[in-house]
Amino acid sequence: MICVWPQYIDKNLTLSEGRKIAKKYAVKEPSLSEIEHALKKLKLPYNIQKEKSYPGKWYKHSGRILVESDKTKLDLLKEISLKVKEKRK
């Protein structure tokens, strides 16, 4: 299981604030629904937990998604981000 927080692919955040991928791959303010749409396109099983709060911003319920994948976390995050960009065009 890979835990995906929207902060991991948020272009507006720094690496120390939680972004995990390079800015060229990241998107501005990704939503849980956009990430869910990307995972559906990638045909990966997932479980959404909307009530969860990112540890760095415990006061904001951003939610997270648990994904079943054989890929590395960074590869998965890049693929999700590219699918979100694709949808936004």
PDB file of N, CA and C in Angstrom:
ATOM      1  N   MET A   1       0.833  -1.196   0.000  1.00  0.00           N
ATOM      2  CA  MET A   1       0.000   0.000   0.000  1.00  0.00           C
ATOM      3  C   MET A   1       0.871   1.251   0.000  1.00  0.00           C
ATOM      4  N   ILE A   2       0.502   2.177  -0.847  1.00  0.00           N
ATOM      5  CA  ILE A   2       1.202   3.455  -0.914  1.00  0.00           C
ATOM      6  C   ILE A   2       0.222   4.545  -0.493  1.00  0.00           C
ATOM      7  N   CYS A   3       0.645   5.362   0.443  1.00  0.00           N
ATOM      8  CA  CYS A   3      -0.185   6.465   0.929  1.00  0.00           C
ATOM      9  C   CYS A   3       0.087   7.703   0.068  1.00  0.00           C
ATOM     10  N   VAL A   4      -0.981   8.271  -0.497  1.00  0.00           N
ATOM     11  CA  VAL A   4      -0.853   9.455  -1.344  1.00  0.00           C
ATOM     12  C   VAL A   4      -1.629  10.613  -0.720  1.00  0.00           C
ATOM     13  N   TRP A   5      -0.910  11.619  -0.310  1.00  0.00           N
ATOM     14  CA  TRP A   5      -1.517  12.861   0.181  1.00  0.00           C
ATOM     15  C   TRP A   5      -1.493  13.863  -0.968  1.00  0.00           C
ATOM     16  N   PRO A   6      -2.522  14.708  -1.117  1.00  0.00           N
ATOM     17  CA  PRO A   6      -2.493  15.727  -2.180  1.00  0.00           C
ATOM     18  C   PRO A   6      -1.245  16.618  -2.106  1.00  0.00           C
ATOM     19  N   GLN A   7      -0.735  16.834  -0.900  1.00  0.00           N
ATOM     20  CA  GLN A   7       0.451  17.681  -0.718  1.00  0.00           C
ATOM     21  C   GLN A   7       1.669  17.129  -1.466  1.00  0.00           C
ATOM     22  N   TYR A   8       1.721  15.833  -1.675  1.00  0.00           N
ATOM     23  CA  TYR A   8       2.873  15.219  -2.339  1.00  0.00           C
ATOM     24  C   TYR A   8       3.062  15.706  -3.768  1.00  0.00           C
ATOM     25  N   ILE A   9       1.972  16.125  -4.420  1.00  0.00           N
ATOM     26  CA  ILE A   9       2.082  16.553  -5.821  1.00  0.00           C
ATOM     27  C   ILE A   9       1.681  18.019  -6.020  1.00  0.00           C
ATOM     28  N   ASP A  10       1.631  18.785  -4.940  1.00  0.00           N
ATOM     29  CA  ASP A  10       1.220  20.196  -4.995  1.00  0.00           C
ATOM     30  C   ASP A  10       2.397  21.101  -5.354  1.00  0.00           C
ATOM     31  N   LYS A  11       2.292  21.743  -6.505  1.00  0.00           N
ATOM     32  CA  LYS A  11       3.348  22.621  -7.023  1.00  0.00           C
ATOM     33  C   LYS A  11       3.615  23.825  -6.121  1.00  0.00           C
ATOM     34  N   ASN A  12       2.603  24.252  -5.371  1.00  0.00           N
ATOM     35  CA  ASN A  12       2.739  25.435  -4.517  1.00  0.00           C
ATOM     36  C   ASN A  12       3.560  25.175  -3.256  1.00  0.00           C
ATOM     37  N   LEU A  13       3.814  23.922  -2.933  1.00  0.00           N
ATOM     38  CA  LEU A  13       4.553  23.589  -1.715  1.00  0.00           C
ATOM     39  C   LEU A  13       6.027  23.341  -2.005  1.00  0.00           C
ATOM     40  N   THR A  14       6.851  23.585  -0.995  1.00  0.00           N
ATOM     41  CA  THR A  14       8.280  23.273  -1.105  1.00  0.00           C
ATOM     42  C   THR A  14       8.488  21.827  -0.691  1.00  0.00           C
ATOM     43  N   LEU A  15       9.678  21.322  -0.900  1.00  0.00           N
ATOM     44  CA  LEU A  15       9.976  19.956  -0.477  1.00  0.00           C
ATOM     45  C   LEU A  15       9.833  19.807   1.032  1.00  0.00           C
ATOM     46  N   SER A  16      10.235  20.825   1.772  1.00  0.00           N
ATOM     47  CA  SER A  16      10.129  20.751   3.235  1.00  0.00           C
ATOM     48  C   SER A  16       8.685  20.849   3.722  1.00  0.00           C
ATOM     49  N   GLU A  17       7.794  21.369   2.876  1.00  0.00           N
ATOM     50  CA  GLU A  17       6.372  21.461   3.232  1.00  0.00           C
ATOM     51  C   GLU A  17       5.590  20.202   2.849  1.00  0.00           C
ATOM     52  N   GLY A  18       6.254  19.292   2.122  1.00  0.00           N
ATOM     53  CA  GLY A  18       5.605  18.027   1.827  1.00  0.00           C
ATOM     54  C   GLY A  18       5.597  17.564   0.382  1.00  0.00           C
ATOM     55  N   ARG A  19       5.986  18.449  -0.566  1.00  0.00           N
ATOM     56  CA  ARG A  19       6.012  18.000  -1.962  1.00  0.00           C
ATOM     57  C   ARG A  19       7.075  16.923  -2.124  1.00  0.00           C
ATOM     58  N   LYS A  20       6.762  15.870  -2.886  1.00  0.00           N
ATOM     59  CA  LYS A  20       7.692  14.747  -3.064  1.00  0.00           C
ATOM     60  C   LYS A  20       8.310  14.672  -4.459  1.00  0.00           C
ATOM     61  N   ILE A  21       7.671  15.324  -5.436  1.00  0.00           N
ATOM     62  CA  ILE A  21       8.164  15.229  -6.809  1.00  0.00           C
ATOM     63  C   ILE A  21       8.640  16.595  -7.306  1.00  0.00           C
ATOM     64  N   ALA A  22       9.398  16.577  -8.401  1.00  0.00           N
ATOM     65  CA  ALA A  22       9.923  17.820  -8.974  1.00  0.00           C
ATOM     66  C   ALA A  22       8.777  18.733  -9.414  1.00  0.00           C
ATOM     67  N   LYS A  23       8.998  20.045  -9.342  1.00  0.00           N
ATOM     68  CA  LYS A  23       7.960  21.017  -9.702  1.00  0.00           C
ATOM     69  C   LYS A  23       7.472  20.853 -11.131  1.00  0.00           C
ATOM     70  N   LYS A  24       8.352  20.397 -12.036  1.00  0.00           N
ATOM     71  CA  LYS A  24       7.940  20.247 -13.438  1.00  0.00           C
ATOM     72  C   LYS A  24       6.864  19.172 -13.597  1.00  0.00           C
ATOM     73  N   TYR A  25       6.780  18.236 -12.663  1.00  0.00           N
ATOM     74  CA  TYR A  25       5.747  17.198 -12.703  1.00  0.00           C
ATOM     75  C   TYR A  25       4.524  17.582 -11.862  1.00  0.00           C
ATOM     76  N   ALA A  26       4.717  18.412 -10.866  1.00  0.00           N
ATOM     77  CA  ALA A  26       3.664  18.740  -9.897  1.00  0.00           C
ATOM     78  C   ALA A  26       2.560  19.609 -10.501  1.00  0.00           C
ATOM     79  N   VAL A  27       1.409  19.633  -9.817  1.00  0.00           N
ATOM     80  CA  VAL A  27       0.264  20.444 -10.239  1.00  0.00           C
ATOM     81  C   VAL A  27      -0.149  21.373  -9.099  1.00  0.00           C
ATOM     82  N   LYS A  28      -0.829  22.458  -9.443  1.00  0.00           N
ATOM     83  CA  LYS A  28      -1.269  23.412  -8.421  1.00  0.00           C
ATOM     84  C   LYS A  28      -2.523  22.899  -7.726  1.00  0.00           C
ATOM     85  N   GLU A  29      -2.471  22.851  -6.417  1.00  0.00           N
ATOM     86  CA  GLU A  29      -3.602  22.501  -5.554  1.00  0.00           C
ATOM     87  C   GLU A  29      -4.441  21.324  -6.061  1.00  0.00           C
ATOM     88  N   PRO A  30      -3.852  20.141  -6.114  1.00  0.00           N
ATOM     89  CA  PRO A  30      -4.625  18.974  -6.554  1.00  0.00           C
ATOM     90  C   PRO A  30      -5.691  18.590  -5.520  1.00  0.00           C
ATOM     91  N   SER A  31      -6.832  18.146  -6.004  1.00  0.00           N
ATOM     92  CA  SER A  31      -7.905  17.729  -5.095  1.00  0.00           C
ATOM     93  C   SER A  31      -7.939  16.200  -5.011  1.00  0.00           C
ATOM     94  N   LEU A  32      -8.606  15.700  -3.986  1.00  0.00           N
ATOM     95  CA  LEU A  32      -8.767  14.248  -3.846  1.00  0.00           C
ATOM     96  C   LEU A  32      -9.517  13.677  -5.042  1.00  0.00           C
ATOM     97  N   SER A  33     -10.515  14.394  -5.529  1.00  0.00           N
ATOM     98  CA  SER A  33     -11.300  13.889  -6.658  1.00  0.00           C
ATOM     99  C   SER A  33     -10.452  13.808  -7.932  1.00  0.00           C
ATOM    100  N   GLU A  34      -9.527  14.750  -8.121  1.00  0.00           N
ATOM    101  CA  GLU A  34      -8.632  14.691  -9.288  1.00  0.00           C
ATOM    102  C   GLU A  34      -7.685  13.502  -9.178  1.00  0.00           C
ATOM    103  N   ILE A  35      -7.184  13.258  -7.976  1.00  0.00           N
ATOM    104  CA  ILE A  35      -6.294  12.115  -7.761  1.00  0.00           C
ATOM    105  C   ILE A  35      -7.075  10.814  -7.973  1.00  0.00           C
ATOM    106  N   GLU A  36      -8.310  10.780  -7.470  1.00  0.00           N
ATOM    107  CA  GLU A  36      -9.160   9.601  -7.655  1.00  0.00           C
ATOM    108  C   GLU A  36      -9.394   9.337  -9.143  1.00  0.00           C
ATOM    109  N   HIS A  37      -9.677  10.384  -9.906  1.00  0.00           N
ATOM    110  CA  HIS A  37      -9.884  10.259 -11.349  1.00  0.00           C
ATOM    111  C   HIS A  37      -8.630   9.685 -12.023  1.00  0.00           C
ATOM    112  N   ALA A  38      -7.465  10.170 -11.619  1.00  0.00           N
ATOM    113  CA  ALA A  38      -6.199   9.677 -12.179  1.00  0.00           C
ATOM    114  C   ALA A  38      -6.009   8.193 -11.879  1.00  0.00           C
ATOM    115  N   LEU A  39      -6.342   7.787 -10.659  1.00  0.00           N
ATOM    116  CA  LEU A  39      -6.183   6.381 -10.281  1.00  0.00           C
ATOM    117  C   LEU A  39      -7.146   5.481 -11.051  1.00  0.00           C
ATOM    118  N   LYS A  40      -8.337   6.006 -11.346  1.00  0.00           N
ATOM    119  CA  LYS A  40      -9.294   5.239 -12.161  1.00  0.00           C
ATOM    120  C   LYS A  40      -8.728   5.044 -13.559  1.00  0.00           C
ATOM    121  N   LYS A  41      -8.134   6.101 -14.118  1.00  0.00           N
ATOM    122  CA  LYS A  41      -7.526   6.020 -15.453  1.00  0.00           C
ATOM    123  C   LYS A  41      -6.354   5.028 -15.466  1.00  0.00           C
ATOM    124  N   LEU A  42      -5.608   4.981 -14.362  1.00  0.00           N
ATOM    125  CA  LEU A  42      -4.462   4.065 -14.247  1.00  0.00           C
ATOM    126  C   LEU A  42      -4.901   2.648 -13.865  1.00  0.00           C
ATOM    127  N   LYS A  43      -6.207   2.484 -13.595  1.00  0.00           N
ATOM    128  CA  LYS A  43      -6.791   1.193 -13.220  1.00  0.00           C
ATOM    129  C   LYS A  43      -6.105   0.573 -12.001  1.00  0.00           C
ATOM    130  N   LEU A  44      -5.897   1.400 -10.981  1.00  0.00           N
ATOM    131  CA  LEU A  44      -5.274   0.929  -9.746  1.00  0.00           C
ATOM    132  C   LEU A  44      -6.310   0.905  -8.621  1.00  0.00           C
ATOM    133  N   PRO A  45      -6.311  -0.151  -7.792  1.00  0.00           N
ATOM    134  CA  PRO A  45      -7.239  -0.187  -6.649  1.00  0.00           C
ATOM    135  C   PRO A  45      -6.801   0.814  -5.578  1.00  0.00           C
ATOM    136  N   TYR A  46      -7.775   1.474  -4.965  1.00  0.00           N
ATOM    137  CA  TYR A  46      -7.464   2.499  -3.972  1.00  0.00           C
ATOM    138  C   TYR A  46      -8.565   2.591  -2.931  1.00  0.00           C
ATOM    139  N   ASN A  47      -8.257   3.287  -1.843  1.00  0.00           N
ATOM    140  CA  ASN A  47      -9.211   3.521  -0.767  1.00  0.00           C
ATOM    141  C   ASN A  47      -9.051   4.970  -0.308  1.00  0.00           C
ATOM    142  N   ILE A  48     -10.132   5.756  -0.369  1.00  0.00           N
ATOM    143  CA  ILE A  48     -10.073   7.169   0.022  1.00  0.00           C
ATOM    144  C   ILE A  48     -10.400   7.314   1.508  1.00  0.00           C
ATOM    145  N   GLN A  49      -9.622   8.153   2.188  1.00  0.00           N
ATOM    146  CA  GLN A  49      -9.872   8.487   3.593  1.00  0.00           C
ATOM    147  C   GLN A  49      -9.955  10.010   3.682  1.00  0.00           C
ATOM    148  N   LYS A  50     -11.165  10.546   3.499  1.00  0.00           N
ATOM    149  CA  LYS A  50     -11.372  11.997   3.424  1.00  0.00           C
ATOM    150  C   LYS A  50     -11.162  12.727   4.744  1.00  0.00           C
ATOM    151  N   GLU A  51     -11.339  12.033   5.853  1.00  0.00           N
ATOM    152  CA  GLU A  51     -11.275  12.697   7.162  1.00  0.00           C
ATOM    153  C   GLU A  51      -9.844  12.857   7.692  1.00  0.00           C
ATOM    154  N   LYS A  52      -8.872  12.296   7.014  1.00  0.00           N
ATOM    155  CA  LYS A  52      -7.482  12.343   7.494  1.00  0.00           C
ATOM    156  C   LYS A  52      -6.846  13.714   7.266  1.00  0.00           C
ATOM    157  N   SER A  53      -5.908  14.051   8.141  1.00  0.00           N
ATOM    158  CA  SER A  53      -5.175  15.320   8.042  1.00  0.00           C
ATOM    159  C   SER A  53      -3.693  15.043   7.836  1.00  0.00           C
ATOM    160  N   TYR A  54      -3.097  15.771   6.899  1.00  0.00           N
ATOM    161  CA  TYR A  54      -1.661  15.641   6.656  1.00  0.00           C
ATOM    162  C   TYR A  54      -0.932  16.065   7.927  1.00  0.00           C
ATOM    163  N   PRO A  55       0.029  15.260   8.399  1.00  0.00           N
ATOM    164  CA  PRO A  55       0.703  15.579   9.676  1.00  0.00           C
ATOM    165  C   PRO A  55       1.282  16.991   9.766  1.00  0.00           C
ATOM    166  N   GLY A  56       1.791  17.519   8.663  1.00  0.00           N
ATOM    167  CA  GLY A  56       2.353  18.875   8.676  1.00  0.00           C
ATOM    168  C   GLY A  56       1.294  19.961   8.806  1.00  0.00           C
ATOM    169  N   LYS A  57       0.061  19.621   8.430  1.00  0.00           N
ATOM    170  CA  LYS A  57      -1.061  20.561   8.535  1.00  0.00           C
ATOM    171  C   LYS A  57      -2.226  19.834   9.192  1.00  0.00           C
ATOM    172  N   TRP A  58      -2.017  19.438  10.428  1.00  0.00           N
ATOM    173  CA  TRP A  58      -2.980  18.626  11.170  1.00  0.00           C
ATOM    174  C   TRP A  58      -4.340  19.289  11.331  1.00  0.00           C
ATOM    175  N   TYR A  59      -4.403  20.610  11.208  1.00  0.00           N
ATOM    176  CA  TYR A  59      -5.639  21.358  11.407  1.00  0.00           C
ATOM    177  C   TYR A  59      -6.519  21.381  10.151  1.00  0.00           C
ATOM    178  N   LYS A  60      -5.996  20.910   9.020  1.00  0.00           N
ATOM    179  CA  LYS A  60      -6.733  20.938   7.752  1.00  0.00           C
ATOM    180  C   LYS A  60      -6.992  19.506   7.277  1.00  0.00           C
ATOM    181  N   HIS A  61      -8.244  19.141   7.113  1.00  0.00           N
ATOM    182  CA  HIS A  61      -8.601  17.789   6.666  1.00  0.00           C
ATOM    183  C   HIS A  61      -8.509  17.691   5.144  1.00  0.00           C
ATOM    184  N   SER A  62      -7.313  17.391   4.664  1.00  0.00           N
ATOM    185  CA  SER A  62      -7.101  17.316   3.222  1.00  0.00           C
ATOM    186  C   SER A  62      -7.444  15.942   2.670  1.00  0.00           C
ATOM    187  N   GLY A  63      -7.421  14.933   3.532  1.00  0.00           N
ATOM    188  CA  GLY A  63      -7.689  13.574   3.097  1.00  0.00           C
ATOM    189  C   GLY A  63      -6.457  12.926   2.494  1.00  0.00           C
ATOM    190  N   ARG A  64      -6.554  11.608   2.316  1.00  0.00           N
ATOM    191  CA  ARG A  64      -5.464  10.856   1.688  1.00  0.00           C
ATOM    192  C   ARG A  64      -6.060   9.667   0.955  1.00  0.00           C
ATOM    193  N   ILE A  65      -5.259   9.062   0.095  1.00  0.00           N
ATOM    194  CA  ILE A  65      -5.700   7.887  -0.651  1.00  0.00           C
ATOM    195  C   ILE A  65      -4.643   6.796  -0.492  1.00  0.00           C
ATOM    196  N   LEU A  66      -5.086   5.603  -0.145  1.00  0.00           N
ATOM    197  CA  LEU A  66      -4.206   4.447  -0.059  1.00  0.00           C
ATOM    198  C   LEU A  66      -4.326   3.676  -1.364  1.00  0.00           C
ATOM    199  N   VAL A  67      -3.197   3.453  -2.021  1.00  0.00           N
ATOM    200  CA  VAL A  67      -3.186   2.845  -3.352  1.00  0.00           C
ATOM    201  C   VAL A  67      -2.414   1.532  -3.327  1.00  0.00           C
ATOM    202  N   GLU A  68      -2.965   0.530  -3.994  1.00  0.00           N
ATOM    203  CA  GLU A  68      -2.254  -0.739  -4.161  1.00  0.00           C
ATOM    204  C   GLU A  68      -1.510  -0.677  -5.490  1.00  0.00           C
ATOM    205  N   SER A  69      -0.185  -0.707  -5.417  1.00  0.00           N
ATOM    206  CA  SER A  69       0.622  -0.622  -6.630  1.00  0.00           C
ATOM    207  C   SER A  69       1.984  -1.268  -6.411  1.00  0.00           C
ATOM    208  N   ASP A  70       2.535  -1.829  -7.492  1.00  0.00           N
ATOM    209  CA  ASP A  70       3.874  -2.423  -7.442  1.00  0.00           C
ATOM    210  C   ASP A  70       4.947  -1.389  -7.757  1.00  0.00           C
ATOM    211  N   LYS A  71       4.525  -0.217  -8.207  1.00  0.00           N
ATOM    212  CA  LYS A  71       5.468   0.846  -8.578  1.00  0.00           C
ATOM    213  C   LYS A  71       6.081   1.479  -7.338  1.00  0.00           C
ATOM    214  N   THR A  72       7.177   2.205  -7.563  1.00  0.00           N
ATOM    215  CA  THR A  72       7.753   2.957  -6.449  1.00  0.00           C
ATOM    216  C   THR A  72       6.838   4.144  -6.174  1.00  0.00           C
ATOM    217  N   LYS A  73       6.931   4.684  -4.990  1.00  0.00           N
ATOM    218  CA  LYS A  73       6.084   5.812  -4.596  1.00  0.00           C
ATOM    219  C   LYS A  73       6.273   7.002  -5.545  1.00  0.00           C
ATOM    220  N   LEU A  74       7.523   7.339  -5.845  1.00  0.00           N
ATOM    221  CA  LEU A  74       7.794   8.491  -6.707  1.00  0.00           C
ATOM    222  C   LEU A  74       7.266   8.283  -8.123  1.00  0.00           C
ATOM    223  N   ASP A  75       7.417   7.067  -8.663  1.00  0.00           N
ATOM    224  CA  ASP A  75       6.889   6.783 -10.002  1.00  0.00           C
ATOM    225  C   ASP A  75       5.372   6.910 -10.018  1.00  0.00           C
ATOM    226  N   LEU A  76       4.724   6.405  -8.977  1.00  0.00           N
ATOM    227  CA  LEU A  76       3.269   6.490  -8.873  1.00  0.00           C
ATOM    228  C   LEU A  76       2.816   7.950  -8.787  1.00  0.00           C
ATOM    229  N   LEU A  77       3.508   8.747  -7.967  1.00  0.00           N
ATOM    230  CA  LEU A  77       3.150  10.156  -7.814  1.00  0.00           C
ATOM    231  C   LEU A  77       3.294  10.917  -9.137  1.00  0.00           C
ATOM    232  N   LYS A  78       4.339  10.617  -9.903  1.00  0.00           N
ATOM    233  CA  LYS A  78       4.539  11.263 -11.202  1.00  0.00           C
ATOM    234  C   LYS A  78       3.409  10.896 -12.159  1.00  0.00           C
ATOM    235  N   GLU A  79       3.031   9.615 -12.174  1.00  0.00           N
ATOM    236  CA  GLU A  79       1.953   9.171 -13.062  1.00  0.00           C
ATOM    237  C   GLU A  79       0.627   9.832 -12.692  1.00  0.00           C
ATOM    238  N   ILE A  80       0.342   9.905 -11.397  1.00  0.00           N
ATOM    239  CA  ILE A  80      -0.890  10.547 -10.939  1.00  0.00           C
ATOM    240  C   ILE A  80      -0.893  12.013 -11.361  1.00  0.00           C
ATOM    241  N   SER A  81       0.217  12.687 -11.138  1.00  0.00           N
ATOM    242  CA  SER A  81       0.326  14.104 -11.471  1.00  0.00           C
ATOM    243  C   SER A  81       0.141  14.346 -12.969  1.00  0.00           C
ATOM    244  N   LEU A  82       0.728  13.489 -13.794  1.00  0.00           N
ATOM    245  CA  LEU A  82       0.583  13.640 -15.243  1.00  0.00           C
ATOM    246  C   LEU A  82      -0.869  13.434 -15.676  1.00  0.00           C
ATOM    247  N   LYS A  83      -1.573  12.501 -15.048  1.00  0.00           N
ATOM    248  CA  LYS A  83      -2.986  12.266 -15.362  1.00  0.00           C
ATOM    249  C   LYS A  83      -3.840  13.460 -14.932  1.00  0.00           C
ATOM    250  N   VAL A  84      -3.502  14.068 -13.809  1.00  0.00           N
ATOM    251  CA  VAL A  84      -4.244  15.251 -13.342  1.00  0.00           C
ATOM    252  C   VAL A  84      -4.023  16.398 -14.348  1.00  0.00           C
ATOM    253  N   LYS A  85      -2.786  16.579 -14.800  1.00  0.00           N
ATOM    254  CA  LYS A  85      -2.489  17.628 -15.789  1.00  0.00           C
ATOM    255  C   LYS A  85      -3.273  17.385 -17.073  1.00  0.00           C
ATOM    256  N   GLU A  86      -3.314  16.117 -17.482  1.00  0.00           N
ATOM    257  CA  GLU A  86      -4.028  15.722 -18.688  1.00  0.00           C
ATOM    258  C   GLU A  86      -5.510  16.085 -18.589  1.00  0.00           C
ATOM    259  N   LYS A  87      -6.103  15.829 -17.450  1.00  0.00           N
ATOM    260  CA  LYS A  87      -7.521  16.106 -17.226  1.00  0.00           C
ATOM    261  C   LYS A  87      -7.810  17.610 -17.218  1.00  0.00           C
ATOM    262  N   ARG A  88      -6.877  18.394 -16.736  1.00  0.00           N
ATOM    263  CA  ARG A  88      -7.075  19.838 -16.623  1.00  0.00           C
ATOM    264  C   ARG A  88      -6.988  20.562 -17.964  1.00  0.00           C
ATOM    265  N   LYS A  89      -6.413  19.925 -18.970  1.00  0.00           N
ATOM    266  CA  LYS A  89      -6.247  20.584 -20.281  1.00  0.00           C
ATOM    267  C   LYS A  89      -7.580  20.798 -20.959  1.00  0.00           C
TER     268      LYS A  89
END
